[in-house]
Amino acid sequence: MYRYTTGGSSGDPLVFKIDRARQAADQGARARSRKWFGIEVGERELYLWGAPVDASKRFAIGLPIKRY
C-alpha cells in the first residue's frame, strides 16, 4: 500500500492509501489520455497549473503541452 495525501487547500489534507493495482490503473489511464493528445510514453511534457485568485473555489487546470 502507498500513502497519498491531498494538498489540504480546503482545510486538513486528506490521507488515503492505494495498492499497486490502483497505481497501475492510474498510470495506464494517464498514458492513454496523453496518447489522445499525441504525447507518447517517455516524451517530455510541461504542465501548466493555474488557479483563480479566489482559490476557495478549488478550481485548477493542468494542460500537457507537446514540444514540436
C-alpha atoms as a PDB file:
ATOM      1  CA  MET A   1       0.000   0.000   0.000  1.00  0.00           C
ATOM      2  CA  TYR A   2       1.135   3.507  -0.822  1.00  0.00           C
ATOM      3  CA  ARG A   3       0.196   6.567   1.227  1.00  0.00           C
ATOM      4  CA  TYR A   4      -1.098   9.628  -0.628  1.00  0.00           C
ATOM      5  CA  THR A   5      -2.389  12.973   0.595  1.00  0.00           C
ATOM      6  CA  THR A   6      -4.285  15.870  -0.898  1.00  0.00           C
ATOM      7  CA  GLY A   7      -2.858  19.381  -0.711  1.00  0.00           C
ATOM      8  CA  GLY A   8      -5.177  20.390   2.100  1.00  0.00           C
ATOM      9  CA  SER A   9      -6.265  23.625   0.418  1.00  0.00           C
ATOM     10  CA  SER A  10      -9.757  23.285   1.909  1.00  0.00           C
ATOM     11  CA  GLY A  11      -8.527  22.575   5.433  1.00  0.00           C
ATOM     12  CA  ASP A  12      -6.754  19.437   6.615  1.00  0.00           C
ATOM     13  CA  PRO A  13      -5.145  17.221   3.967  1.00  0.00           C
ATOM     14  CA  LEU A  14      -6.990  14.004   3.195  1.00  0.00           C
ATOM     15  CA  VAL A  15      -4.775  10.938   3.701  1.00  0.00           C
ATOM     16  CA  PHE A  16      -5.541   7.748   1.788  1.00  0.00           C
ATOM     17  CA  LYS A  17      -3.789   4.606   0.587  1.00  0.00           C
ATOM     18  CA  ILE A  18      -3.800   2.828  -2.763  1.00  0.00           C
ATOM     19  CA  ASP A  19      -2.375  -0.513  -3.833  1.00  0.00           C
ATOM     20  CA  ARG A  20      -0.191  -1.442  -6.808  1.00  0.00           C
ATOM     21  CA  ALA A  21      -3.190  -2.433  -8.957  1.00  0.00           C
ATOM     22  CA  ARG A  22      -4.786   1.002  -8.487  1.00  0.00           C
ATOM     23  CA  GLN A  23      -1.452   2.699  -9.139  1.00  0.00           C
ATOM     24  CA  ALA A  24      -1.022   0.711 -12.382  1.00  0.00           C
ATOM     25  CA  ALA A  25      -4.577   1.547 -13.496  1.00  0.00           C
ATOM     26  CA  ASP A  26      -3.939   5.265 -12.877  1.00  0.00           C
ATOM     27  CA  GLN A  27      -0.708   5.167 -14.881  1.00  0.00           C
ATOM     28  CA  GLY A  28      -2.438   3.355 -17.735  1.00  0.00           C
ATOM     29  CA  ALA A  29      -5.272   5.895 -17.817  1.00  0.00           C
ATOM     30  CA  ARG A  30      -2.800   8.796 -17.867  1.00  0.00           C
ATOM     31  CA  ALA A  31      -0.796   7.183 -20.703  1.00  0.00           C
ATOM     32  CA  ARG A  32      -3.974   6.617 -22.727  1.00  0.00           C
ATOM     33  CA  SER A  33      -5.232  10.181 -22.257  1.00  0.00           C
ATOM     34  CA  ARG A  34      -1.834  11.633 -23.196  1.00  0.00           C
ATOM     35  CA  LYS A  35      -1.862   9.491 -26.336  1.00  0.00           C
ATOM     36  CA  TRP A  36      -5.115  11.232 -27.349  1.00  0.00           C
ATOM     37  CA  PHE A  37      -3.072  14.471 -27.459  1.00  0.00           C
ATOM     38  CA  GLY A  38      -0.196  12.870 -29.379  1.00  0.00           C
ATOM     39  CA  ILE A  39       2.132  12.509 -26.392  1.00  0.00           C
ATOM     40  CA  GLU A  40       3.933   9.170 -26.352  1.00  0.00           C
ATOM     41  CA  VAL A  41       5.148   7.381 -23.222  1.00  0.00           C
ATOM     42  CA  GLY A  42       8.561   8.745 -22.243  1.00  0.00           C
ATOM     43  CA  GLU A  43       8.238  12.045 -24.128  1.00  0.00           C
ATOM     44  CA  ARG A  44       8.910  15.252 -22.242  1.00  0.00           C
ATOM     45  CA  GLU A  45       5.910  17.313 -21.285  1.00  0.00           C
ATOM     46  CA  LEU A  46       5.217  20.509 -19.414  1.00  0.00           C
ATOM     47  CA  TYR A  47       2.275  21.036 -17.100  1.00  0.00           C
ATOM     48  CA  LEU A  48       0.897  24.498 -16.542  1.00  0.00           C
ATOM     49  CA  TRP A  49      -1.305  24.749 -13.466  1.00  0.00           C
ATOM     50  CA  GLY A  50      -3.353  27.732 -12.529  1.00  0.00           C
ATOM     51  CA  ALA A  51      -5.963  28.793 -10.066  1.00  0.00           C
ATOM     52  CA  PRO A  52      -8.081  31.912  -9.883  1.00  0.00           C
ATOM     53  CA  VAL A  53      -7.272  34.483  -7.229  1.00  0.00           C
ATOM     54  CA  ASP A  54     -10.139  33.094  -5.168  1.00  0.00           C
ATOM     55  CA  ALA A  55      -8.686  29.630  -4.521  1.00  0.00           C
ATOM     56  CA  SER A  56     -11.612  28.792  -2.256  1.00  0.00           C
ATOM     57  CA  LYS A  57     -13.485  27.751  -5.404  1.00  0.00           C
ATOM     58  CA  ARG A  58     -10.953  24.889  -5.637  1.00  0.00           C
ATOM     59  CA  PHE A  59     -10.550  25.180  -9.398  1.00  0.00           C
ATOM     60  CA  ALA A  60      -7.287  24.329 -11.151  1.00  0.00           C
ATOM     61  CA  ILE A  61      -6.389  23.357 -14.685  1.00  0.00           C
ATOM     62  CA  GLY A  62      -3.476  21.249 -15.873  1.00  0.00           C
ATOM     63  CA  LEU A  63      -2.549  21.283 -19.549  1.00  0.00           C
ATOM     64  CA  PRO A  64       0.027  18.989 -21.124  1.00  0.00           C
ATOM     65  CA  ILE A  65       1.925  20.684 -23.937  1.00  0.00           C
ATOM     66  CA  LYS A  66       3.828  18.748 -26.600  1.00  0.00           C
ATOM     67  CA  ARG A  67       7.138  20.098 -27.828  1.00  0.00           C
ATOM     68  CA  TYR A  68       7.253  20.203 -31.632  1.00  0.00           C
END
